PDB file of all heavy atoms in Angstrom:
ATOM      1  N   GLN A   1       0.819  -1.215  -0.021  1.00  0.00           N
ATOM      2  CA  GLN A   1       0.001  -0.016   0.006  1.00  0.00           C
ATOM      3  C   GLN A   1       0.843   1.276  -0.013  1.00  0.00           C
ATOM      4  O   GLN A   1       0.566   2.247   0.661  1.00  0.00           O
ATOM      5  CB  GLN A   1      -0.988   0.034   1.216  1.00  0.00           C
ATOM      6  CG  GLN A   1      -2.137  -0.956   1.067  1.00  0.00           C
ATOM      7  CD  GLN A   1      -1.737  -2.384   1.409  1.00  0.00           C
ATOM      8  OE1 GLN A   1      -1.002  -2.599   2.290  1.00  0.00           O
ATOM      9  NE2 GLN A   1      -2.298  -3.280   0.624  1.00  0.00           N
ATOM     10  N   MET A   2       1.936   1.267  -0.782  1.00  0.00           N
ATOM     11  CA  MET A   2       2.775   2.468  -0.920  1.00  0.00           C
ATOM     12  C   MET A   2       2.038   3.394  -1.913  1.00  0.00           C
ATOM     13  O   MET A   2       1.702   3.002  -3.017  1.00  0.00           O
ATOM     14  CB  MET A   2       4.111   2.111  -1.469  1.00  0.00           C
ATOM     15  CG  MET A   2       5.089   3.304  -1.490  1.00  0.00           C
ATOM     16  SD  MET A   2       6.753   2.757  -1.836  1.00  0.00           S
ATOM     17  CE  MET A   2       6.829   3.077  -3.567  1.00  0.00           C
ATOM     18  N   PRO A   3       1.711   4.646  -1.465  1.00  0.00           N
ATOM     19  CA  PRO A   3       0.893   5.520  -2.313  1.00  0.00           C
ATOM     20  C   PRO A   3       1.635   6.118  -3.517  1.00  0.00           C
ATOM     21  O   PRO A   3       1.001   6.452  -4.510  1.00  0.00           O
ATOM     22  CB  PRO A   3       0.447   6.582  -1.343  1.00  0.00           C
ATOM     23  CG  PRO A   3       1.486   6.584  -0.294  1.00  0.00           C
ATOM     24  CD  PRO A   3       2.017   5.253  -0.158  1.00  0.00           C
ATOM     25  N   ALA A   4       2.971   6.357  -3.370  1.00  0.00           N
ATOM     26  CA  ALA A   4       3.655   7.018  -4.481  1.00  0.00           C
ATOM     27  C   ALA A   4       5.147   6.601  -4.516  1.00  0.00           C
ATOM     28  O   ALA A   4       5.645   6.073  -3.491  1.00  0.00           O
ATOM     29  CB  ALA A   4       3.514   8.487  -4.312  1.00  0.00           C
ATOM     30  N   PHE A   5       5.828   6.911  -5.594  1.00  0.00           N
ATOM     31  CA  PHE A   5       7.226   6.629  -5.712  1.00  0.00           C
ATOM     32  C   PHE A   5       7.887   7.861  -6.350  1.00  0.00           C
ATOM     33  O   PHE A   5       7.360   8.402  -7.308  1.00  0.00           O
ATOM     34  CB  PHE A   5       7.488   5.413  -6.617  1.00  0.00           C
ATOM     35  CG  PHE A   5       8.939   5.171  -6.899  1.00  0.00           C
ATOM     36  CD1 PHE A   5       9.730   4.561  -5.930  1.00  0.00           C
ATOM     37  CD2 PHE A   5       9.429   5.513  -8.111  1.00  0.00           C
ATOM     38  CE1 PHE A   5      11.058   4.270  -6.222  1.00  0.00           C
ATOM     39  CE2 PHE A   5      10.773   5.280  -8.398  1.00  0.00           C
ATOM     40  CZ  PHE A   5      11.599   4.670  -7.464  1.00  0.00           C
ATOM     41  N   PHE A   6       8.992   8.307  -5.796  1.00  0.00           N
ATOM     42  CA  PHE A   6       9.728   9.474  -6.342  1.00  0.00           C
ATOM     43  C   PHE A   6      11.191   9.101  -6.383  1.00  0.00           C
ATOM     44  O   PHE A   6      11.792   8.672  -5.430  1.00  0.00           O
ATOM     45  CB  PHE A   6       9.491  10.685  -5.455  1.00  0.00           C
ATOM     46  CG  PHE A   6      10.121  11.938  -5.979  1.00  0.00           C
ATOM     47  CD1 PHE A   6       9.567  12.588  -7.083  1.00  0.00           C
ATOM     48  CD2 PHE A   6      11.272  12.410  -5.404  1.00  0.00           C
ATOM     49  CE1 PHE A   6      10.199  13.730  -7.558  1.00  0.00           C
ATOM     50  CE2 PHE A   6      11.854  13.561  -5.864  1.00  0.00           C
ATOM     51  CZ  PHE A   6      11.361  14.222  -6.958  1.00  0.00           C
ATOM     52  N   SER A   7      11.747   9.265  -7.576  1.00  0.00           N
ATOM     53  CA  SER A   7      13.203   8.946  -7.743  1.00  0.00           C
ATOM     54  C   SER A   7      13.970  10.247  -7.747  1.00  0.00           C
ATOM     55  O   SER A   7      13.594  11.187  -8.378  1.00  0.00           O
ATOM     56  CB  SER A   7      13.346   8.244  -9.072  1.00  0.00           C
ATOM     57  OG  SER A   7      14.720   8.004  -9.343  1.00  0.00           O
ATOM     58  N   VAL A   8      15.132  10.237  -7.027  1.00  0.00           N
ATOM     59  CA  VAL A   8      15.975  11.434  -6.950  1.00  0.00           C
ATOM     60  C   VAL A   8      17.426  10.981  -6.859  1.00  0.00           C
ATOM     61  O   VAL A   8      17.727   9.958  -6.300  1.00  0.00           O
ATOM     62  CB  VAL A   8      15.562  12.322  -5.772  1.00  0.00           C
ATOM     63  CG1 VAL A   8      15.750  11.612  -4.466  1.00  0.00           C
ATOM     64  CG2 VAL A   8      16.267  13.624  -5.794  1.00  0.00           C
ATOM     65  N   LYS A   9      18.348  11.751  -7.467  1.00  0.00           N
ATOM     66  CA  LYS A   9      19.770  11.404  -7.411  1.00  0.00           C
ATOM     67  C   LYS A   9      20.326  11.675  -5.980  1.00  0.00           C
ATOM     68  O   LYS A   9      19.923  12.612  -5.350  1.00  0.00           O
ATOM     69  CB  LYS A   9      20.528  12.238  -8.440  1.00  0.00           C
ATOM     70  CG  LYS A   9      20.289  11.771  -9.855  1.00  0.00           C
ATOM     71  CD  LYS A   9      21.160  12.534 -10.851  1.00  0.00           C
ATOM     72  CE  LYS A   9      22.650  12.238 -10.740  1.00  0.00           C
ATOM     73  NZ  LYS A   9      23.075  10.886 -11.059  1.00  0.00           N
ATOM     74  N   LYS A  10      21.314  10.863  -5.643  1.00  0.00           N
ATOM     75  CA  LYS A  10      21.933  10.989  -4.341  1.00  0.00           C
ATOM     76  C   LYS A  10      22.637  12.345  -4.182  1.00  0.00           C
ATOM     77  O   LYS A  10      22.671  12.845  -3.059  1.00  0.00           O
ATOM     78  CB  LYS A  10      22.918   9.854  -4.149  1.00  0.00           C
ATOM     79  CG  LYS A  10      22.329   8.496  -3.921  1.00  0.00           C
ATOM     80  CD  LYS A  10      23.318   7.451  -3.636  1.00  0.00           C
ATOM     81  CE  LYS A  10      24.012   7.039  -4.903  1.00  0.00           C
ATOM     82  NZ  LYS A  10      24.977   5.949  -4.781  1.00  0.00           N
ATOM     83  N   SER A  11      23.172  12.846  -5.247  1.00  0.00           N
ATOM     84  CA  SER A  11      23.876  14.140  -5.130  1.00  0.00           C
ATOM     85  C   SER A  11      22.930  15.280  -4.783  1.00  0.00           C
ATOM     86  O   SER A  11      23.343  16.137  -3.937  1.00  0.00           O
ATOM     87  CB  SER A  11      24.599  14.439  -6.446  1.00  0.00           C
ATOM     88  OG  SER A  11      23.688  14.448  -7.520  1.00  0.00           O
ATOM     89  N   ILE A  12      21.753  15.259  -5.273  1.00  0.00           N
ATOM     90  CA  ILE A  12      20.767  16.278  -4.884  1.00  0.00           C
ATOM     91  C   ILE A  12      20.351  16.153  -3.440  1.00  0.00           C
ATOM     92  O   ILE A  12      20.280  17.147  -2.697  1.00  0.00           O
ATOM     93  CB  ILE A  12      19.523  16.228  -5.807  1.00  0.00           C
ATOM     94  CG1 ILE A  12      19.935  16.590  -7.236  1.00  0.00           C
ATOM     95  CG2 ILE A  12      18.420  17.136  -5.315  1.00  0.00           C
ATOM     96  CD1 ILE A  12      18.772  16.432  -8.244  1.00  0.00           C
ATOM     97  N   LEU A  13      20.201  14.890  -2.990  1.00  0.00           N
ATOM     98  CA  LEU A  13      19.873  14.683  -1.566  1.00  0.00           C
ATOM     99  C   LEU A  13      20.980  15.121  -0.642  1.00  0.00           C
ATOM    100  O   LEU A  13      20.729  15.691   0.448  1.00  0.00           O
ATOM    101  CB  LEU A  13      19.532  13.218  -1.317  1.00  0.00           C
ATOM    102  CG  LEU A  13      18.231  12.685  -1.966  1.00  0.00           C
ATOM    103  CD1 LEU A  13      18.100  11.178  -1.721  1.00  0.00           C
ATOM    104  CD2 LEU A  13      17.020  13.456  -1.499  1.00  0.00           C
ATOM    105  N   SER A  14      22.243  14.904  -1.108  1.00  0.00           N
ATOM    106  CA  SER A  14      23.327  15.360  -0.277  1.00  0.00           C
ATOM    107  C   SER A  14      23.384  16.892  -0.146  1.00  0.00           C
ATOM    108  O   SER A  14      23.655  17.434   0.950  1.00  0.00           O
ATOM    109  CB  SER A  14      24.689  14.915  -0.925  1.00  0.00           C
ATOM    110  OG  SER A  14      24.781  13.537  -0.977  1.00  0.00           O
ATOM    111  N   LEU A  15      23.089  17.579  -1.204  1.00  0.00           N
ATOM    112  CA  LEU A  15      23.080  19.039  -1.186  1.00  0.00           C
ATOM    113  C   LEU A  15      21.884  19.524  -0.301  1.00  0.00           C
ATOM    114  O   LEU A  15      22.087  20.398   0.558  1.00  0.00           O
ATOM    115  CB  LEU A  15      22.893  19.550  -2.575  1.00  0.00           C
ATOM    116  CG  LEU A  15      23.340  20.969  -2.859  1.00  0.00           C
ATOM    117  CD1 LEU A  15      24.870  21.112  -2.570  1.00  0.00           C
ATOM    118  CD2 LEU A  15      23.087  21.348  -4.313  1.00  0.00           C
ATOM    119  N   PHE A  16      20.716  18.881  -0.446  1.00  0.00           N
ATOM    120  CA  PHE A  16      19.541  19.277   0.368  1.00  0.00           C
ATOM    121  C   PHE A  16      19.786  19.017   1.850  1.00  0.00           C
ATOM    122  O   PHE A  16      19.388  19.779   2.712  1.00  0.00           O
ATOM    123  CB  PHE A  16      18.308  18.511  -0.085  1.00  0.00           C
ATOM    124  CG  PHE A  16      17.680  18.976  -1.389  1.00  0.00           C
ATOM    125  CD1 PHE A  16      16.660  18.308  -1.941  1.00  0.00           C
ATOM    126  CD2 PHE A  16      18.138  20.141  -2.016  1.00  0.00           C
ATOM    127  CE1 PHE A  16      16.095  18.731  -3.122  1.00  0.00           C
ATOM    128  CE2 PHE A  16      17.561  20.552  -3.207  1.00  0.00           C
ATOM    129  CZ  PHE A  16      16.564  19.832  -3.732  1.00  0.00           C
ATOM    130  N   ALA A  17      20.515  17.928   2.159  1.00  0.00           N
ATOM    131  CA  ALA A  17      20.828  17.567   3.548  1.00  0.00           C
ATOM    132  C   ALA A  17      21.690  18.695   4.200  1.00  0.00           C
ATOM    133  O   ALA A  17      21.699  18.821   5.464  1.00  0.00           O
ATOM    134  CB  ALA A  17      21.529  16.252   3.648  1.00  0.00           C
ATOM    135  N   ASN A  18      22.411  19.431   3.412  1.00  0.00           N
ATOM    136  CA  ASN A  18      23.269  20.520   3.921  1.00  0.00           C
ATOM    137  C   ASN A  18      22.553  21.875   3.839  1.00  0.00           C
ATOM    138  O   ASN A  18      23.219  22.900   3.963  1.00  0.00           O
ATOM    139  CB  ASN A  18      24.618  20.531   3.190  1.00  0.00           C
ATOM    140  CG  ASN A  18      25.470  19.400   3.638  1.00  0.00           C
ATOM    141  OD1 ASN A  18      25.943  19.401   4.754  1.00  0.00           O
ATOM    142  ND2 ASN A  18      25.659  18.417   2.746  1.00  0.00           N
ATOM    143  N   GLY A  19      21.248  21.857   3.529  1.00  0.00           N
ATOM    144  CA  GLY A  19      20.454  23.072   3.555  1.00  0.00           C
ATOM    145  C   GLY A  19      20.697  23.942   2.317  1.00  0.00           C
ATOM    146  O   GLY A  19      20.460  25.178   2.397  1.00  0.00           O
ATOM    147  N   ARG A  20      21.108  23.372   1.221  1.00  0.00           N
ATOM    148  CA  ARG A  20      21.365  24.155  -0.003  1.00  0.00           C
ATOM    149  C   ARG A  20      20.625  23.584  -1.153  1.00  0.00           C
ATOM    150  O   ARG A  20      20.318  22.377  -1.189  1.00  0.00           O
ATOM    151  CB  ARG A  20      22.876  24.229  -0.307  1.00  0.00           C
ATOM    152  CG  ARG A  20      23.666  24.779   0.833  1.00  0.00           C
ATOM    153  CD  ARG A  20      25.151  24.858   0.448  1.00  0.00           C
ATOM    154  NE  ARG A  20      25.934  25.336   1.543  1.00  0.00           N
ATOM    155  CZ  ARG A  20      26.120  26.614   1.875  1.00  0.00           C
ATOM    156  NH1 ARG A  20      25.524  27.544   1.135  1.00  0.00           N
ATOM    157  NH2 ARG A  20      26.902  26.930   2.884  1.00  0.00           N
ATOM    158  N   THR A  21      20.329  24.405  -2.149  1.00  0.00           N
ATOM    159  CA  THR A  21      19.690  23.939  -3.384  1.00  0.00           C
ATOM    160  C   THR A  21      20.562  24.148  -4.591  1.00  0.00           C
ATOM    161  O   THR A  21      20.316  23.601  -5.646  1.00  0.00           O
ATOM    162  CB  THR A  21      18.304  24.694  -3.605  1.00  0.00           C
ATOM    163  OG1 THR A  21      18.596  26.114  -3.705  1.00  0.00           O
ATOM    164  CG2 THR A  21      17.362  24.401  -2.481  1.00  0.00           C
ATOM    165  N   THR A  22      21.662  24.873  -4.396  1.00  0.00           N
ATOM    166  CA  THR A  22      22.624  25.132  -5.519  1.00  0.00           C
ATOM    167  C   THR A  22      23.995  24.831  -5.001  1.00  0.00           C
ATOM    168  O   THR A  22      24.354  25.279  -3.898  1.00  0.00           O
ATOM    169  CB  THR A  22      22.497  26.574  -5.978  1.00  0.00           C
ATOM    170  OG1 THR A  22      21.179  26.797  -6.481  1.00  0.00           O
ATOM    171  CG2 THR A  22      23.473  26.833  -7.157  1.00  0.00           C
ATOM    172  N   GLY A  23      24.794  24.113  -5.826  1.00  0.00           N
ATOM    173  CA  GLY A  23      26.163  23.821  -5.421  1.00  0.00           C
ATOM    174  C   GLY A  23      26.770  22.760  -6.334  1.00  0.00           C
ATOM    175  O   GLY A  23      26.215  22.393  -7.354  1.00  0.00           O
ATOM    176  N   VAL A  24      27.967  22.340  -5.964  1.00  0.00           N
ATOM    177  CA  VAL A  24      28.683  21.297  -6.697  1.00  0.00           C
ATOM    178  C   VAL A  24      28.926  20.157  -5.731  1.00  0.00           C
ATOM    179  O   VAL A  24      29.441  20.327  -4.587  1.00  0.00           O
ATOM    180  CB  VAL A  24      30.007  21.838  -7.260  1.00  0.00           C
ATOM    181  CG1 VAL A  24      30.766  20.752  -7.966  1.00  0.00           C
ATOM    182  CG2 VAL A  24      29.715  22.995  -8.256  1.00  0.00           C
ATOM    183  N   VAL A  25      28.629  18.897  -6.139  1.00  0.00           N
ATOM    184  CA  VAL A  25      28.795  17.753  -5.323  1.00  0.00           C
ATOM    185  C   VAL A  25      29.811  16.870  -5.945  1.00  0.00           C
ATOM    186  O   VAL A  25      29.782  16.591  -7.154  1.00  0.00           O
ATOM    187  CB  VAL A  25      27.488  16.972  -5.141  1.00  0.00           C
ATOM    188  CG1 VAL A  25      27.654  15.717  -4.331  1.00  0.00           C
ATOM    189  CG2 VAL A  25      26.438  17.822  -4.480  1.00  0.00           C
ATOM    190  N   LEU A  26      30.822  16.398  -5.161  1.00  0.00           N
ATOM    191  CA  LEU A  26      31.799  15.454  -5.640  1.00  0.00           C
ATOM    192  C   LEU A  26      31.439  14.075  -5.111  1.00  0.00           C
ATOM    193  O   LEU A  26      31.415  13.820  -3.908  1.00  0.00           O
ATOM    194  CB  LEU A  26      33.176  15.845  -5.120  1.00  0.00           C
ATOM    195  CG  LEU A  26      34.348  14.896  -5.516  1.00  0.00           C
ATOM    196  CD1 LEU A  26      34.601  14.968  -7.039  1.00  0.00           C
ATOM    197  CD2 LEU A  26      35.611  15.262  -4.788  1.00  0.00           C
ATOM    198  N   GLU A  27      31.117  13.163  -6.039  1.00  0.00           N
ATOM    199  CA  GLU A  27      30.761  11.787  -5.665  1.00  0.00           C
ATOM    200  C   GLU A  27      31.885  10.875  -6.050  1.00  0.00           C
ATOM    201  O   GLU A  27      32.304  10.816  -7.188  1.00  0.00           O
ATOM    202  CB  GLU A  27      29.503  11.355  -6.478  1.00  0.00           C
ATOM    203  CG  GLU A  27      28.219  11.988  -6.077  1.00  0.00           C
ATOM    204  CD  GLU A  27      27.026  11.453  -6.859  1.00  0.00           C
ATOM    205  OE1 GLU A  27      27.261  10.596  -7.771  1.00  0.00           O
ATOM    206  OE2 GLU A  27      25.912  11.888  -6.638  1.00  0.00           O
ATOM    207  N   THR A  28      32.398  10.126  -5.049  1.00  0.00           N
ATOM    208  CA  THR A  28      33.495   9.188  -5.336  1.00  0.00           C
ATOM    209  C   THR A  28      32.989   7.783  -4.932  1.00  0.00           C
ATOM    210  O   THR A  28      32.646   7.606  -3.771  1.00  0.00           O
ATOM    211  CB  THR A  28      34.749   9.569  -4.590  1.00  0.00           C
ATOM    212  OG1 THR A  28      35.125  10.885  -4.949  1.00  0.00           O
ATOM    213  CG2 THR A  28      35.888   8.589  -4.921  1.00  0.00           C
ATOM    214  N   GLY A  29      33.044   6.883  -5.885  1.00  0.00           N
ATOM    215  CA  GLY A  29      32.644   5.506  -5.590  1.00  0.00           C
ATOM    216  C   GLY A  29      33.850   4.537  -5.777  1.00  0.00           C
ATOM    217  O   GLY A  29      34.989   5.039  -5.794  1.00  0.00           O
ATOM    218  N   ALA A  30      33.573   3.299  -5.913  1.00  0.00           N
ATOM    219  CA  ALA A  30      34.630   2.281  -6.075  1.00  0.00           C
ATOM    220  C   ALA A  30      35.360   2.414  -7.405  1.00  0.00           C
ATOM    221  O   ALA A  30      36.570   2.223  -7.536  1.00  0.00           O
ATOM    222  CB  ALA A  30      34.081   0.900  -5.943  1.00  0.00           C
ATOM    223  N   SER A  31      34.605   2.790  -8.448  1.00  0.00           N
ATOM    224  CA  SER A  31      35.219   2.860  -9.784  1.00  0.00           C
ATOM    225  C   SER A  31      35.042   4.150 -10.551  1.00  0.00           C
ATOM    226  O   SER A  31      35.659   4.369 -11.594  1.00  0.00           O
ATOM    227  CB  SER A  31      34.682   1.694 -10.657  1.00  0.00           C
ATOM    228  OG  SER A  31      33.284   1.825 -10.779  1.00  0.00           O
ATOM    229  N   VAL A  32      34.192   4.992 -10.049  1.00  0.00           N
ATOM    230  CA  VAL A  32      33.863   6.277 -10.811  1.00  0.00           C
ATOM    231  C   VAL A  32      33.820   7.457  -9.816  1.00  0.00           C
ATOM    232  O   VAL A  32      33.370   7.315  -8.721  1.00  0.00           O
ATOM    233  CB  VAL A  32      32.488   6.148 -11.507  1.00  0.00           C
ATOM    234  CG1 VAL A  32      32.098   7.470 -12.177  1.00  0.00           C
ATOM    235  CG2 VAL A  32      32.470   5.000 -12.506  1.00  0.00           C
ATOM    236  N   THR A  33      34.334   8.585 -10.270  1.00  0.00           N
ATOM    237  CA  THR A  33      34.238   9.846  -9.574  1.00  0.00           C
ATOM    238  C   THR A  33      33.525  10.808 -10.465  1.00  0.00           C
ATOM    239  O   THR A  33      33.791  10.950 -11.636  1.00  0.00           O
ATOM    240  CB  THR A  33      35.609  10.441  -9.187  1.00  0.00           C
ATOM    241  OG1 THR A  33      36.275   9.473  -8.350  1.00  0.00           O
ATOM    242  CG2 THR A  33      35.536  11.761  -8.520  1.00  0.00           C
ATOM    243  N   GLN A  34      32.493  11.508  -9.886  1.00  0.00           N
ATOM    244  CA  GLN A  34      31.710  12.467 -10.646  1.00  0.00           C
ATOM    245  C   GLN A  34      31.698  13.834  -9.964  1.00  0.00           C
ATOM    246  O   GLN A  34      31.625  13.891  -8.729  1.00  0.00           O
ATOM    247  CB  GLN A  34      30.222  12.025 -10.790  1.00  0.00           C
ATOM    248  CG  GLN A  34      30.055  10.812 -11.708  1.00  0.00           C
ATOM    249  CD  GLN A  34      28.564  10.474 -11.820  1.00  0.00           C
ATOM    250  OE1 GLN A  34      27.832  10.617 -10.893  1.00  0.00           O
ATOM    251  NE2 GLN A  34      28.205   9.954 -12.968  1.00  0.00           N
ATOM    252  N   VAL A  35      31.698  14.881 -10.765  1.00  0.00           N
ATOM    253  CA  VAL A  35      31.466  16.190 -10.263  1.00  0.00           C
ATOM    254  C   VAL A  35      30.085  16.597 -10.815  1.00  0.00           C
ATOM    255  O   VAL A  35      29.880  16.671 -12.012  1.00  0.00           O
ATOM    256  CB  VAL A  35      32.574  17.219 -10.772  1.00  0.00           C
ATOM    257  CG1 VAL A  35      32.252  18.573 -10.300  1.00  0.00           C
ATOM    258  CG2 VAL A  35      33.904  16.758 -10.316  1.00  0.00           C
ATOM    259  N   VAL A  36      29.151  16.812  -9.876  1.00  0.00           N
ATOM    260  CA  VAL A  36      27.772  17.069 -10.244  1.00  0.00           C
ATOM    261  C   VAL A  36      27.361  18.491  -9.875  1.00  0.00           C
ATOM    262  O   VAL A  36      27.187  18.784  -8.694  1.00  0.00           O
ATOM    263  CB  VAL A  36      26.840  16.076  -9.537  1.00  0.00           C
ATOM    264  CG1 VAL A  36      25.410  16.252 -10.019  1.00  0.00           C
ATOM    265  CG2 VAL A  36      27.316  14.620  -9.786  1.00  0.00           C
ATOM    266  N   PRO A  37      27.240  19.391 -10.892  1.00  0.00           N
ATOM    267  CA  PRO A  37      26.701  20.723 -10.568  1.00  0.00           C
ATOM    268  C   PRO A  37      25.193  20.707 -10.466  1.00  0.00           C
ATOM    269  O   PRO A  37      24.483  20.085 -11.272  1.00  0.00           O
ATOM    270  CB  PRO A  37      27.181  21.553 -11.773  1.00  0.00           C
ATOM    271  CG  PRO A  37      27.312  20.588 -12.871  1.00  0.00           C
ATOM    272  CD  PRO A  37      27.622  19.258 -12.234  1.00  0.00           C
ATOM    273  N   ILE A  38      24.651  21.396  -9.451  1.00  0.00           N
ATOM    274  CA  ILE A  38      23.219  21.459  -9.239  1.00  0.00           C
ATOM    275  C   ILE A  38      22.788  22.876  -9.074  1.00  0.00           C
ATOM    276  O   ILE A  38      23.427  23.665  -8.297  1.00  0.00           O
ATOM    277  CB  ILE A  38      22.844  20.620  -7.975  1.00  0.00           C
ATOM    278  CG1 ILE A  38      23.257  19.170  -8.182  1.00  0.00           C
ATOM    279  CG2 ILE A  38      21.365  20.698  -7.692  1.00  0.00           C
ATOM    280  CD1 ILE A  38      23.227  18.300  -6.938  1.00  0.00           C
ATOM    281  N   SER A  39      21.732  23.286  -9.768  1.00  0.00           N
ATOM    282  CA  SER A  39      21.220  24.660  -9.691  1.00  0.00           C
ATOM    283  C   SER A  39      19.771  24.568  -9.333  1.00  0.00           C
ATOM    284  O   SER A  39      18.946  23.976 -10.016  1.00  0.00           O
ATOM    285  CB  SER A  39      21.380  25.353 -11.032  1.00  0.00           C
ATOM    286  OG  SER A  39      20.846  26.666 -10.996  1.00  0.00           O
ATOM    287  N   GLU A  40      19.436  25.180  -8.161  1.00  0.00           N
ATOM    288  CA  GLU A  40      18.040  25.254  -7.695  1.00  0.00           C
ATOM    289  C   GLU A  40      17.346  23.881  -7.658  1.00  0.00           C
ATOM    290  O   GLU A  40      16.206  23.720  -7.986  1.00  0.00           O
ATOM    291  CB  GLU A  40      17.201  26.222  -8.481  1.00  0.00           C
ATOM    292  CG  GLU A  40      17.684  27.670  -8.454  1.00  0.00           C
ATOM    293  CD  GLU A  40      17.691  28.224  -7.041  1.00  0.00           C
ATOM    294  OE1 GLU A  40      16.752  27.912  -6.289  1.00  0.00           O
ATOM    295  OE2 GLU A  40      18.634  28.980  -6.699  1.00  0.00           O
ATOM    296  N   GLY A  41      18.103  22.836  -7.240  1.00  0.00           N
ATOM    297  CA  GLY A  41      17.570  21.474  -7.103  1.00  0.00           C
ATOM    298  C   GLY A  41      17.566  20.666  -8.379  1.00  0.00           C
ATOM    299  O   GLY A  41      17.108  19.515  -8.364  1.00  0.00           O
ATOM    300  N   TYR A  42      18.108  21.188  -9.469  1.00  0.00           N
ATOM    301  CA  TYR A  42      18.152  20.469 -10.755  1.00  0.00           C
ATOM    302  C   TYR A  42      19.602  20.167 -11.159  1.00  0.00           C
ATOM    303  O   TYR A  42      20.409  21.094 -11.126  1.00  0.00           O
ATOM    304  CB  TYR A  42      17.444  21.227 -11.841  1.00  0.00           C
ATOM    305  CG  TYR A  42      15.960  21.353 -11.652  1.00  0.00           C
ATOM    306  CD1 TYR A  42      15.430  22.510 -11.046  1.00  0.00           C
ATOM    307  CD2 TYR A  42      15.075  20.312 -11.991  1.00  0.00           C
ATOM    308  CE1 TYR A  42      14.072  22.623 -10.818  1.00  0.00           C
ATOM    309  CE2 TYR A  42      13.720  20.442 -11.781  1.00  0.00           C
ATOM    310  CZ  TYR A  42      13.212  21.573 -11.186  1.00  0.00           C
ATOM    311  OH  TYR A  42      11.864  21.701 -10.945  1.00  0.00           O
ATOM    312  N   THR A  43      19.870  18.951 -11.538  1.00  0.00           N
ATOM    313  CA  THR A  43      21.211  18.540 -11.993  1.00  0.00           C
ATOM    314  C   THR A  43      21.440  19.187 -13.387  1.00  0.00           C
ATOM    315  O   THR A  43      20.576  19.099 -14.294  1.00  0.00           O
ATOM    316  CB  THR A  43      21.353  17.032 -12.091  1.00  0.00           C
ATOM    317  OG1 THR A  43      21.081  16.468 -10.827  1.00  0.00           O
ATOM    318  CG2 THR A  43      22.711  16.606 -12.543  1.00  0.00           C
TER     319      THR A  43
END
């Protein structure tokens, strides 16, 4: 009985968790590093 589903990128959630909607997030994983610019909540 889940009413809805919303998909969002981890980089946007990281920025929101820090109280910002615009910024640059550096994501480093096991095999890939990404620089993700975000403006007003949009990648």
